[in-house]
Amino acid sequence: MKEIEYSEAATQVLDILNYTRQEDVKRIPQSFIKFLNSISNKQDIPKFNHEYPISALNLTKETRELLGFIYITWWCDESERKKYKNIIHYNNIKPERGKV
């Protein structure tokens, strides 16, 4: 069911990008925008109130992942990118058996 979840996420991300500063959106390659369009659910229309900050929106886990990917890949500076990659790496390390 990941396909359906990422289809919904792509739809939500595209909706959010419609309310994002155009200079930021232009930093995302058109090929990625086309990819999001190709997997998005055309029948699903997000009902976000864009007057609220993004942290107040009811985003799916997959939507947050895609937005994080966009931020780390195209929007943040090199020092932030390194910090976030370290956090991601640390969070993906599984503890050894018997250790917490």
PDB file of N, CA and C in Angstrom:
ATOM      1  N   MET A   1       0.805  -1.202   0.000  1.00  0.00           N
ATOM      2  CA  MET A   1       0.000   0.000   0.000  1.00  0.00           C
ATOM      3  C   MET A   1       0.852   1.274   0.000  1.00  0.00           C
ATOM      4  N   LYS A   2       2.151   1.140  -0.022  1.00  0.00           N
ATOM      5  CA  LYS A   2       3.026   2.317  -0.051  1.00  0.00           C
ATOM      6  C   LYS A   2       2.743   3.186  -1.273  1.00  0.00           C
ATOM      7  N   GLU A   3       2.359   2.550  -2.384  1.00  0.00           N
ATOM      8  CA  GLU A   3       2.049   3.297  -3.594  1.00  0.00           C
ATOM      9  C   GLU A   3       0.946   4.320  -3.341  1.00  0.00           C
ATOM     10  N   ILE A   4      -0.115   3.892  -2.683  1.00  0.00           N
ATOM     11  CA  ILE A   4      -1.245   4.776  -2.384  1.00  0.00           C
ATOM     12  C   ILE A   4      -0.814   5.884  -1.432  1.00  0.00           C
ATOM     13  N   GLU A   5      -0.015   5.524  -0.426  1.00  0.00           N
ATOM     14  CA  GLU A   5       0.426   6.510   0.563  1.00  0.00           C
ATOM     15  C   GLU A   5       1.305   7.579  -0.079  1.00  0.00           C
ATOM     16  N   TYR A   6       2.199   7.175  -0.987  1.00  0.00           N
ATOM     17  CA  TYR A   6       3.058   8.164  -1.644  1.00  0.00           C
ATOM     18  C   TYR A   6       2.304   8.942  -2.714  1.00  0.00           C
ATOM     19  N   SER A   7       1.260   8.359  -3.274  1.00  0.00           N
ATOM     20  CA  SER A   7       0.400   9.096  -4.206  1.00  0.00           C
ATOM     21  C   SER A   7      -0.293  10.238  -3.466  1.00  0.00           C
ATOM     22  N   GLU A   8      -0.815   9.933  -2.284  1.00  0.00           N
ATOM     23  CA  GLU A   8      -1.440  10.970  -1.452  1.00  0.00           C
ATOM     24  C   GLU A   8      -0.411  12.010  -1.020  1.00  0.00           C
ATOM     25  N   ALA A   9       0.776  11.557  -0.662  1.00  0.00           N
ATOM     26  CA  ALA A   9       1.835  12.470  -0.230  1.00  0.00           C
ATOM     27  C   ALA A   9       2.241  13.413  -1.363  1.00  0.00           C
ATOM     28  N   ALA A  10       2.370  12.880  -2.569  1.00  0.00           N
ATOM     29  CA  ALA A  10       2.737  13.714  -3.714  1.00  0.00           C
ATOM     30  C   ALA A  10       1.673  14.785  -3.942  1.00  0.00           C
ATOM     31  N   THR A  11       0.418  14.405  -3.805  1.00  0.00           N
ATOM     32  CA  THR A  11      -0.680  15.354  -3.956  1.00  0.00           C
ATOM     33  C   THR A  11      -0.583  16.458  -2.910  1.00  0.00           C
ATOM     34  N   GLN A  12      -0.312  16.077  -1.668  1.00  0.00           N
ATOM     35  CA  GLN A  12      -0.185  17.068  -0.595  1.00  0.00           C
ATOM     36  C   GLN A  12       1.018  17.979  -0.823  1.00  0.00           C
ATOM     37  N   VAL A  13       2.142  17.416  -1.239  1.00  0.00           N
ATOM     38  CA  VAL A  13       3.341  18.221  -1.475  1.00  0.00           C
ATOM     39  C   VAL A  13       3.090  19.226  -2.603  1.00  0.00           C
ATOM     40  N   LEU A  14       2.470  18.776  -3.678  1.00  0.00           N
ATOM     41  CA  LEU A  14       2.173  19.700  -4.786  1.00  0.00           C
ATOM     42  C   LEU A  14       1.258  20.830  -4.333  1.00  0.00           C
ATOM     43  N   ASP A  15       0.297  20.508  -3.473  1.00  0.00           N
ATOM     44  CA  ASP A  15      -0.582  21.549  -2.943  1.00  0.00           C
ATOM     45  C   ASP A  15       0.219  22.548  -2.106  1.00  0.00           C
ATOM     46  N   ILE A  16       1.090  22.055  -1.272  1.00  0.00           N
ATOM     47  CA  ILE A  16       1.920  22.934  -0.431  1.00  0.00           C
ATOM     48  C   ILE A  16       2.824  23.801  -1.309  1.00  0.00           C
ATOM     49  N   LEU A  17       3.397  23.209  -2.351  1.00  0.00           N
ATOM     50  CA  LEU A  17       4.273  23.978  -3.238  1.00  0.00           C
ATOM     51  C   LEU A  17       3.526  25.092  -3.961  1.00  0.00           C
ATOM     52  N   ASN A  18       2.225  24.927  -4.169  1.00  0.00           N
ATOM     53  CA  ASN A  18       1.426  25.995  -4.773  1.00  0.00           C
ATOM     54  C   ASN A  18       1.332  27.224  -3.867  1.00  0.00           C
ATOM     55  N   TYR A  19       1.592  27.044  -2.583  1.00  0.00           N
ATOM     56  CA  TYR A  19       1.530  28.142  -1.609  1.00  0.00           C
ATOM     57  C   TYR A  19       2.916  28.511  -1.084  1.00  0.00           C
ATOM     58  N   THR A  20       3.939  28.062  -1.781  1.00  0.00           N
ATOM     59  CA  THR A  20       5.328  28.302  -1.392  1.00  0.00           C
ATOM     60  C   THR A  20       5.906  29.386  -2.302  1.00  0.00           C
ATOM     61  N   ARG A  21       6.838  30.154  -1.760  1.00  0.00           N
ATOM     62  CA  ARG A  21       7.469  31.206  -2.569  1.00  0.00           C
ATOM     63  C   ARG A  21       8.013  30.616  -3.865  1.00  0.00           C
ATOM     64  N   GLN A  22       7.720  31.263  -4.974  1.00  0.00           N
ATOM     65  CA  GLN A  22       8.112  30.754  -6.290  1.00  0.00           C
ATOM     66  C   GLN A  22       9.625  30.633  -6.445  1.00  0.00           C
ATOM     67  N   GLU A  23      10.386  31.509  -5.816  1.00  0.00           N
ATOM     68  CA  GLU A  23      11.851  31.396  -5.927  1.00  0.00           C
ATOM     69  C   GLU A  23      12.348  30.102  -5.269  1.00  0.00           C
ATOM     70  N   ASP A  24      11.645  29.637  -4.240  1.00  0.00           N
ATOM     71  CA  ASP A  24      12.010  28.360  -3.623  1.00  0.00           C
ATOM     72  C   ASP A  24      11.578  27.184  -4.497  1.00  0.00           C
ATOM     73  N   VAL A  25      10.385  27.277  -5.051  1.00  0.00           N
ATOM     74  CA  VAL A  25       9.884  26.199  -5.909  1.00  0.00           C
ATOM     75  C   VAL A  25      10.774  26.053  -7.138  1.00  0.00           C
ATOM     76  N   LYS A  26      11.275  27.152  -7.681  1.00  0.00           N
ATOM     77  CA  LYS A  26      12.131  27.103  -8.868  1.00  0.00           C
ATOM     78  C   LYS A  26      13.453  26.391  -8.608  1.00  0.00           C
ATOM     79  N   ARG A  27      13.834  26.243  -7.358  1.00  0.00           N
ATOM     80  CA  ARG A  27      15.078  25.533  -7.025  1.00  0.00           C
ATOM     81  C   ARG A  27      14.912  24.017  -7.120  1.00  0.00           C
ATOM     82  N   ILE A  28      13.680  23.550  -7.197  1.00  0.00           N
ATOM     83  CA  ILE A  28      13.394  22.123  -7.343  1.00  0.00           C
ATOM     84  C   ILE A  28      13.403  21.806  -8.841  1.00  0.00           C
ATOM     85  N   PRO A  29      14.162  20.799  -9.254  1.00  0.00           N
ATOM     86  CA  PRO A  29      14.188  20.466 -10.687  1.00  0.00           C
ATOM     87  C   PRO A  29      12.796  20.113 -11.217  1.00  0.00           C
ATOM     88  N   GLN A  30      12.518  20.554 -12.432  1.00  0.00           N
ATOM     89  CA  GLN A  30      11.233  20.256 -13.062  1.00  0.00           C
ATOM     90  C   GLN A  30      11.005  18.759 -13.180  1.00  0.00           C
ATOM     91  N   SER A  31      12.065  18.004 -13.323  1.00  0.00           N
ATOM     92  CA  SER A  31      11.919  16.547 -13.421  1.00  0.00           C
ATOM     93  C   SER A  31      11.318  15.973 -12.143  1.00  0.00           C
ATOM     94  N   PHE A  32      11.663  16.544 -10.982  1.00  0.00           N
ATOM     95  CA  PHE A  32      11.100  16.063  -9.726  1.00  0.00           C
ATOM     96  C   PHE A  32       9.640  16.492  -9.602  1.00  0.00           C
ATOM     97  N   ILE A  33       9.332  17.712 -10.015  1.00  0.00           N
ATOM     98  CA  ILE A  33       7.945  18.183 -10.000  1.00  0.00           C
ATOM     99  C   ILE A  33       7.099  17.296 -10.921  1.00  0.00           C
ATOM    100  N   LYS A  34       7.618  16.967 -12.090  1.00  0.00           N
ATOM    101  CA  LYS A  34       6.905  16.084 -13.020  1.00  0.00           C
ATOM    102  C   LYS A  34       6.696  14.706 -12.407  1.00  0.00           C
ATOM    103  N   PHE A  35       7.713  14.215 -11.697  1.00  0.00           N
ATOM    104  CA  PHE A  35       7.589  12.926 -11.018  1.00  0.00           C
ATOM    105  C   PHE A  35       6.453  12.975  -9.999  1.00  0.00           C
ATOM    106  N   LEU A  36       6.420  14.033  -9.183  1.00  0.00           N
ATOM    107  CA  LEU A  36       5.347  14.167  -8.193  1.00  0.00           C
ATOM    108  C   LEU A  36       3.986  14.203  -8.881  1.00  0.00           C
ATOM    109  N   ASN A  37       3.899  14.937  -9.983  1.00  0.00           N
ATOM    110  CA  ASN A  37       2.644  14.996 -10.738  1.00  0.00           C
ATOM    111  C   ASN A  37       2.248  13.626 -11.275  1.00  0.00           C
ATOM    112  N   SER A  38       3.231  12.861 -11.723  1.00  0.00           N
ATOM    113  CA  SER A  38       2.922  11.557 -12.320  1.00  0.00           C
ATOM    114  C   SER A  38       2.413  10.544 -11.299  1.00  0.00           C
ATOM    115  N   ILE A  39       2.850  10.667 -10.038  1.00  0.00           N
ATOM    116  CA  ILE A  39       2.399   9.699  -9.025  1.00  0.00           C
ATOM    117  C   ILE A  39       1.264  10.236  -8.158  1.00  0.00           C
ATOM    118  N   SER A  40       0.923  11.508  -8.324  1.00  0.00           N
ATOM    119  CA  SER A  40      -0.112  12.101  -7.472  1.00  0.00           C
ATOM    120  C   SER A  40      -1.492  11.550  -7.803  1.00  0.00           C
ATOM    121  N   ASN A  41      -2.352  11.613  -6.806  1.00  0.00           N
ATOM    122  CA  ASN A  41      -3.737  11.168  -6.960  1.00  0.00           C
ATOM    123  C   ASN A  41      -4.547  12.354  -7.468  1.00  0.00           C
ATOM    124  N   LYS A  42      -4.940  12.288  -8.715  1.00  0.00           N
ATOM    125  CA  LYS A  42      -5.650  13.415  -9.337  1.00  0.00           C
ATOM    126  C   LYS A  42      -7.053  13.628  -8.752  1.00  0.00           C
ATOM    127  N   GLN A  43      -7.620  12.587  -8.127  1.00  0.00           N
ATOM    128  CA  GLN A  43      -8.960  12.716  -7.538  1.00  0.00           C
ATOM    129  C   GLN A  43      -8.911  13.281  -6.116  1.00  0.00           C
ATOM    130  N   ASP A  44      -7.741  13.242  -5.496  1.00  0.00           N
ATOM    131  CA  ASP A  44      -7.596  13.709  -4.116  1.00  0.00           C
ATOM    132  C   ASP A  44      -7.288  15.203  -4.125  1.00  0.00           C
ATOM    133  N   ILE A  45      -8.076  15.970  -3.407  1.00  0.00           N
ATOM    134  CA  ILE A  45      -7.831  17.407  -3.284  1.00  0.00           C
ATOM    135  C   ILE A  45      -7.590  17.717  -1.803  1.00  0.00           C
ATOM    136  N   PRO A  46      -6.329  18.042  -1.444  1.00  0.00           N
ATOM    137  CA  PRO A  46      -6.047  18.362  -0.043  1.00  0.00           C
ATOM    138  C   PRO A  46      -6.876  19.559   0.412  1.00  0.00           C
ATOM    139  N   LYS A  47      -7.289  19.509   1.656  1.00  0.00           N
ATOM    140  CA  LYS A  47      -8.104  20.588   2.217  1.00  0.00           C
ATOM    141  C   LYS A  47      -7.339  21.285   3.344  1.00  0.00           C
ATOM    142  N   PHE A  48      -6.135  21.732   3.015  1.00  0.00           N
ATOM    143  CA  PHE A  48      -5.318  22.423   3.997  1.00  0.00           C
ATOM    144  C   PHE A  48      -5.744  23.882   4.107  1.00  0.00           C
ATOM    145  N   ASN A  49      -5.694  24.394   5.319  1.00  0.00           N
ATOM    146  CA  ASN A  49      -5.874  25.821   5.523  1.00  0.00           C
ATOM    147  C   ASN A  49      -4.471  26.427   5.520  1.00  0.00           C
ATOM    148  N   HIS A  50      -4.098  27.044   4.419  1.00  0.00           N
ATOM    149  CA  HIS A  50      -2.735  27.548   4.253  1.00  0.00           C
ATOM    150  C   HIS A  50      -2.474  28.833   5.027  1.00  0.00           C
ATOM    151  N   GLU A  51      -3.447  29.260   5.818  1.00  0.00           N
ATOM    152  CA  GLU A  51      -3.205  30.392   6.708  1.00  0.00           C
ATOM    153  C   GLU A  51      -2.424  29.942   7.944  1.00  0.00           C
ATOM    154  N   TYR A  52      -2.441  28.639   8.202  1.00  0.00           N
ATOM    155  CA  TYR A  52      -1.704  28.070   9.340  1.00  0.00           C
ATOM    156  C   TYR A  52      -0.288  27.718   8.914  1.00  0.00           C
ATOM    157  N   PRO A  53       0.650  27.688   9.876  1.00  0.00           N
ATOM    158  CA  PRO A  53       2.006  27.248   9.525  1.00  0.00           C
ATOM    159  C   PRO A  53       1.983  25.763   9.152  1.00  0.00           C
ATOM    160  N   ILE A  54       2.970  25.355   8.405  1.00  0.00           N
ATOM    161  CA  ILE A  54       3.018  23.976   7.925  1.00  0.00           C
ATOM    162  C   ILE A  54       3.021  22.974   9.078  1.00  0.00           C
ATOM    163  N   SER A  55       3.606  23.347  10.196  1.00  0.00           N
ATOM    164  CA  SER A  55       3.652  22.443  11.353  1.00  0.00           C
ATOM    165  C   SER A  55       2.261  22.160  11.917  1.00  0.00           C
ATOM    166  N   ALA A  56       1.283  23.016  11.611  1.00  0.00           N
ATOM    167  CA  ALA A  56      -0.081  22.824  12.118  1.00  0.00           C
ATOM    168  C   ALA A  56      -0.951  22.012  11.157  1.00  0.00           C
ATOM    169  N   LEU A  57      -0.429  21.712   9.960  1.00  0.00           N
ATOM    170  CA  LEU A  57      -1.200  20.941   8.988  1.00  0.00           C
ATOM    171  C   LEU A  57      -1.145  19.457   9.339  1.00  0.00           C
ATOM    172  N   ASN A  58      -2.195  18.756   9.021  1.00  0.00           N
ATOM    173  CA  ASN A  58      -2.266  17.319   9.290  1.00  0.00           C
ATOM    174  C   ASN A  58      -1.640  16.558   8.118  1.00  0.00           C
ATOM    175  N   LEU A  59      -0.296  16.527   8.098  1.00  0.00           N
ATOM    176  CA  LEU A  59       0.432  15.899   6.993  1.00  0.00           C
ATOM    177  C   LEU A  59       0.699  14.433   7.298  1.00  0.00           C
ATOM    178  N   THR A  60       0.686  13.618   6.250  1.00  0.00           N
ATOM    179  CA  THR A  60       1.028  12.206   6.434  1.00  0.00           C
ATOM    180  C   THR A  60       2.537  12.085   6.650  1.00  0.00           C
ATOM    181  N   LYS A  61       2.945  10.945   7.157  1.00  0.00           N
ATOM    182  CA  LYS A  61       4.375  10.659   7.362  1.00  0.00           C
ATOM    183  C   LYS A  61       5.116  10.767   6.026  1.00  0.00           C
ATOM    184  N   GLU A  62       4.519  10.234   4.979  1.00  0.00           N
ATOM    185  CA  GLU A  62       5.152  10.253   3.662  1.00  0.00           C
ATOM    186  C   GLU A  62       5.277  11.674   3.115  1.00  0.00           C
ATOM    187  N   THR A  63       4.291  12.520   3.393  1.00  0.00           N
ATOM    188  CA  THR A  63       4.371  13.919   2.973  1.00  0.00           C
ATOM    189  C   THR A  63       5.527  14.607   3.678  1.00  0.00           C
ATOM    190  N   ARG A  64       5.649  14.374   4.989  1.00  0.00           N
ATOM    191  CA  ARG A  64       6.767  14.962   5.738  1.00  0.00           C
ATOM    192  C   ARG A  64       8.106  14.462   5.201  1.00  0.00           C
ATOM    193  N   GLU A  65       8.165  13.184   4.807  1.00  0.00           N
ATOM    194  CA  GLU A  65       9.398  12.632   4.235  1.00  0.00           C
ATOM    195  C   GLU A  65       9.747  13.336   2.924  1.00  0.00           C
ATOM    196  N   LEU A  66       8.767  13.498   2.033  1.00  0.00           N
ATOM    197  CA  LEU A  66       9.022  14.162   0.755  1.00  0.00           C
ATOM    198  C   LEU A  66       9.434  15.618   0.952  1.00  0.00           C
ATOM    199  N   LEU A  67       8.770  16.319   1.861  1.00  0.00           N
ATOM    200  CA  LEU A  67       9.145  17.707   2.134  1.00  0.00           C
ATOM    201  C   LEU A  67      10.550  17.789   2.733  1.00  0.00           C
ATOM    202  N   GLY A  68      10.882  16.848   3.598  1.00  0.00           N
ATOM    203  CA  GLY A  68      12.233  16.791   4.162  1.00  0.00           C
ATOM    204  C   GLY A  68      13.270  16.548   3.075  1.00  0.00           C
ATOM    205  N   PHE A  69      12.963  15.643   2.152  1.00  0.00           N
ATOM    206  CA  PHE A  69      13.856  15.363   1.034  1.00  0.00           C
ATOM    207  C   PHE A  69      14.074  16.629   0.198  1.00  0.00           C
ATOM    208  N   ILE A  70      12.998  17.329  -0.100  1.00  0.00           N
ATOM    209  CA  ILE A  70      13.104  18.572  -0.870  1.00  0.00           C
ATOM    210  C   ILE A  70      13.966  19.582  -0.127  1.00  0.00           C
ATOM    211  N   TYR A  71      13.711  19.742   1.160  1.00  0.00           N
ATOM    212  CA  TYR A  71      14.462  20.722   1.938  1.00  0.00           C
ATOM    213  C   TYR A  71      15.952  20.391   1.955  1.00  0.00           C
ATOM    214  N   ILE A  72      16.268  19.136   2.290  1.00  0.00           N
ATOM    215  CA  ILE A  72      17.677  18.736   2.405  1.00  0.00           C
ATOM    216  C   ILE A  72      18.380  18.786   1.050  1.00  0.00           C
ATOM    217  N   THR A  73      17.693  18.393   0.006  1.00  0.00           N
ATOM    218  CA  THR A  73      18.322  18.295  -1.312  1.00  0.00           C
ATOM    219  C   THR A  73      18.469  19.642  -2.006  1.00  0.00           C
ATOM    220  N   TRP A  74      17.468  20.526  -1.912  1.00  0.00           N
ATOM    221  CA  TRP A  74      17.499  21.738  -2.727  1.00  0.00           C
ATOM    222  C   TRP A  74      17.398  23.052  -1.957  1.00  0.00           C
ATOM    223  N   TRP A  75      16.982  23.035  -0.706  1.00  0.00           N
ATOM    224  CA  TRP A  75      16.723  24.308  -0.041  1.00  0.00           C
ATOM    225  C   TRP A  75      17.722  24.677   1.053  1.00  0.00           C
ATOM    226  N   CYS A  76      18.276  23.736   1.754  1.00  0.00           N
ATOM    227  CA  CYS A  76      19.134  24.119   2.880  1.00  0.00           C
ATOM    228  C   CYS A  76      20.579  24.333   2.429  1.00  0.00           C
ATOM    229  N   ASP A  77      21.349  25.025   3.277  1.00  0.00           N
ATOM    230  CA  ASP A  77      22.750  25.244   2.942  1.00  0.00           C
ATOM    231  C   ASP A  77      23.576  24.015   3.344  1.00  0.00           C
ATOM    232  N   GLU A  78      24.839  24.034   2.991  1.00  0.00           N
ATOM    233  CA  GLU A  78      25.691  22.855   3.178  1.00  0.00           C
ATOM    234  C   GLU A  78      25.838  22.451   4.641  1.00  0.00           C
ATOM    235  N   SER A  79      25.933  23.415   5.557  1.00  0.00           N
ATOM    236  CA  SER A  79      26.087  23.059   6.979  1.00  0.00           C
ATOM    237  C   SER A  79      24.818  22.413   7.524  1.00  0.00           C
ATOM    238  N   GLU A  80      23.659  22.943   7.122  1.00  0.00           N
ATOM    239  CA  GLU A  80      22.390  22.323   7.534  1.00  0.00           C
ATOM    240  C   GLU A  80      22.266  20.925   6.941  1.00  0.00           C
ATOM    241  N   ARG A  81      22.634  20.788   5.669  1.00  0.00           N
ATOM    242  CA  ARG A  81      22.548  19.504   4.986  1.00  0.00           C
ATOM    243  C   ARG A  81      23.370  18.452   5.735  1.00  0.00           C
ATOM    244  N   LYS A  82      24.577  18.827   6.131  1.00  0.00           N
ATOM    245  CA  LYS A  82      25.450  17.894   6.857  1.00  0.00           C
ATOM    246  C   LYS A  82      24.818  17.522   8.196  1.00  0.00           C
ATOM    247  N   LYS A  83      24.272  18.508   8.896  1.00  0.00           N
ATOM    248  CA  LYS A  83      23.628  18.255  10.190  1.00  0.00           C
ATOM    249  C   LYS A  83      22.469  17.280  10.033  1.00  0.00           C
ATOM    250  N   TYR A  84      21.603  17.521   9.064  1.00  0.00           N
ATOM    251  CA  TYR A  84      20.441  16.656   8.872  1.00  0.00           C
ATOM    252  C   TYR A  84      20.835  15.259   8.404  1.00  0.00           C
ATOM    253  N   LYS A  85      21.848  15.164   7.559  1.00  0.00           N
ATOM    254  CA  LYS A  85      22.303  13.839   7.115  1.00  0.00           C
ATOM    255  C   LYS A  85      22.858  13.055   8.298  1.00  0.00           C
ATOM    256  N   ASN A  86      23.549  13.728   9.221  1.00  0.00           N
ATOM    257  CA  ASN A  86      24.044  13.054  10.425  1.00  0.00           C
ATOM    258  C   ASN A  86      22.886  12.571  11.295  1.00  0.00           C
ATOM    259  N   ILE A  87      21.861  13.392  11.428  1.00  0.00           N
ATOM    260  CA  ILE A  87      20.683  13.003  12.211  1.00  0.00           C
ATOM    261  C   ILE A  87      20.002  11.800  11.568  1.00  0.00           C
ATOM    262  N   ILE A  88      19.840  11.842  10.259  1.00  0.00           N
ATOM    263  CA  ILE A  88      19.212  10.714   9.553  1.00  0.00           C
ATOM    264  C   ILE A  88      20.044   9.453   9.727  1.00  0.00           C
ATOM    265  N   HIS A  89      21.351   9.572   9.565  1.00  0.00           N
ATOM    266  CA  HIS A  89      22.232   8.419   9.736  1.00  0.00           C
ATOM    267  C   HIS A  89      22.119   7.860  11.147  1.00  0.00           C
ATOM    268  N   TYR A  90      22.161   8.742  12.144  1.00  0.00           N
ATOM    269  CA  TYR A  90      22.073   8.304  13.545  1.00  0.00           C
ATOM    270  C   TYR A  90      20.737   7.598  13.804  1.00  0.00           C
ATOM    271  N   ASN A  91      19.646   8.126  13.283  1.00  0.00           N
ATOM    272  CA  ASN A  91      18.325   7.539  13.499  1.00  0.00           C
ATOM    273  C   ASN A  91      18.140   6.210  12.776  1.00  0.00           C
ATOM    274  N   ASN A  92      18.949   5.952  11.755  1.00  0.00           N
ATOM    275  CA  ASN A  92      18.836   4.703  11.010  1.00  0.00           C
ATOM    276  C   ASN A  92      19.734   3.599  11.545  1.00  0.00           C
ATOM    277  N   ILE A  93      20.601   3.911  12.502  1.00  0.00           N
ATOM    278  CA  ILE A  93      21.459   2.895  13.104  1.00  0.00           C
ATOM    279  C   ILE A  93      20.643   2.123  14.119  1.00  0.00           C
ATOM    280  N   LYS A  94      20.645   0.806  13.966  1.00  0.00           N
ATOM    281  CA  LYS A  94      19.889  -0.041  14.893  1.00  0.00           C
ATOM    282  C   LYS A  94      20.807  -0.449  16.040  1.00  0.00           C
ATOM    283  N   PRO A  95      20.294  -0.401  17.274  1.00  0.00           N
ATOM    284  CA  PRO A  95      21.120  -0.819  18.410  1.00  0.00           C
ATOM    285  C   PRO A  95      21.449  -2.306  18.308  1.00  0.00           C
ATOM    286  N   GLU A  96      22.626  -2.664  18.833  1.00  0.00           N
ATOM    287  CA  GLU A  96      23.000  -4.076  18.841  1.00  0.00           C
ATOM    288  C   GLU A  96      22.064  -4.847  19.746  1.00  0.00           C
ATOM    289  N   ARG A  97      21.947  -6.121  19.492  1.00  0.00           N
ATOM    290  CA  ARG A  97      21.087  -6.964  20.317  1.00  0.00           C
ATOM    291  C   ARG A  97      21.498  -6.861  21.787  1.00  0.00           C
ATOM    292  N   GLY A  98      20.512  -6.741  22.629  1.00  0.00           N
ATOM    293  CA  GLY A  98      20.759  -6.697  24.069  1.00  0.00           C
ATOM    294  C   GLY A  98      21.132  -5.319  24.573  1.00  0.00           C
ATOM    295  N   LYS A  99      21.326  -4.384  23.678  1.00  0.00           N
ATOM    296  CA  LYS A  99      21.658  -3.020  24.090  1.00  0.00           C
ATOM    297  C   LYS A  99      20.511  -2.093  23.725  1.00  0.00           C
ATOM    298  N   VAL A 100      20.326  -1.075  24.518  1.00  0.00           N
ATOM    299  CA  VAL A 100      19.256  -0.115  24.267  1.00  0.00           C
ATOM    300  C   VAL A 100      19.769   1.077  23.560  1.00  0.00           C
TER     301      VAL A 100
END
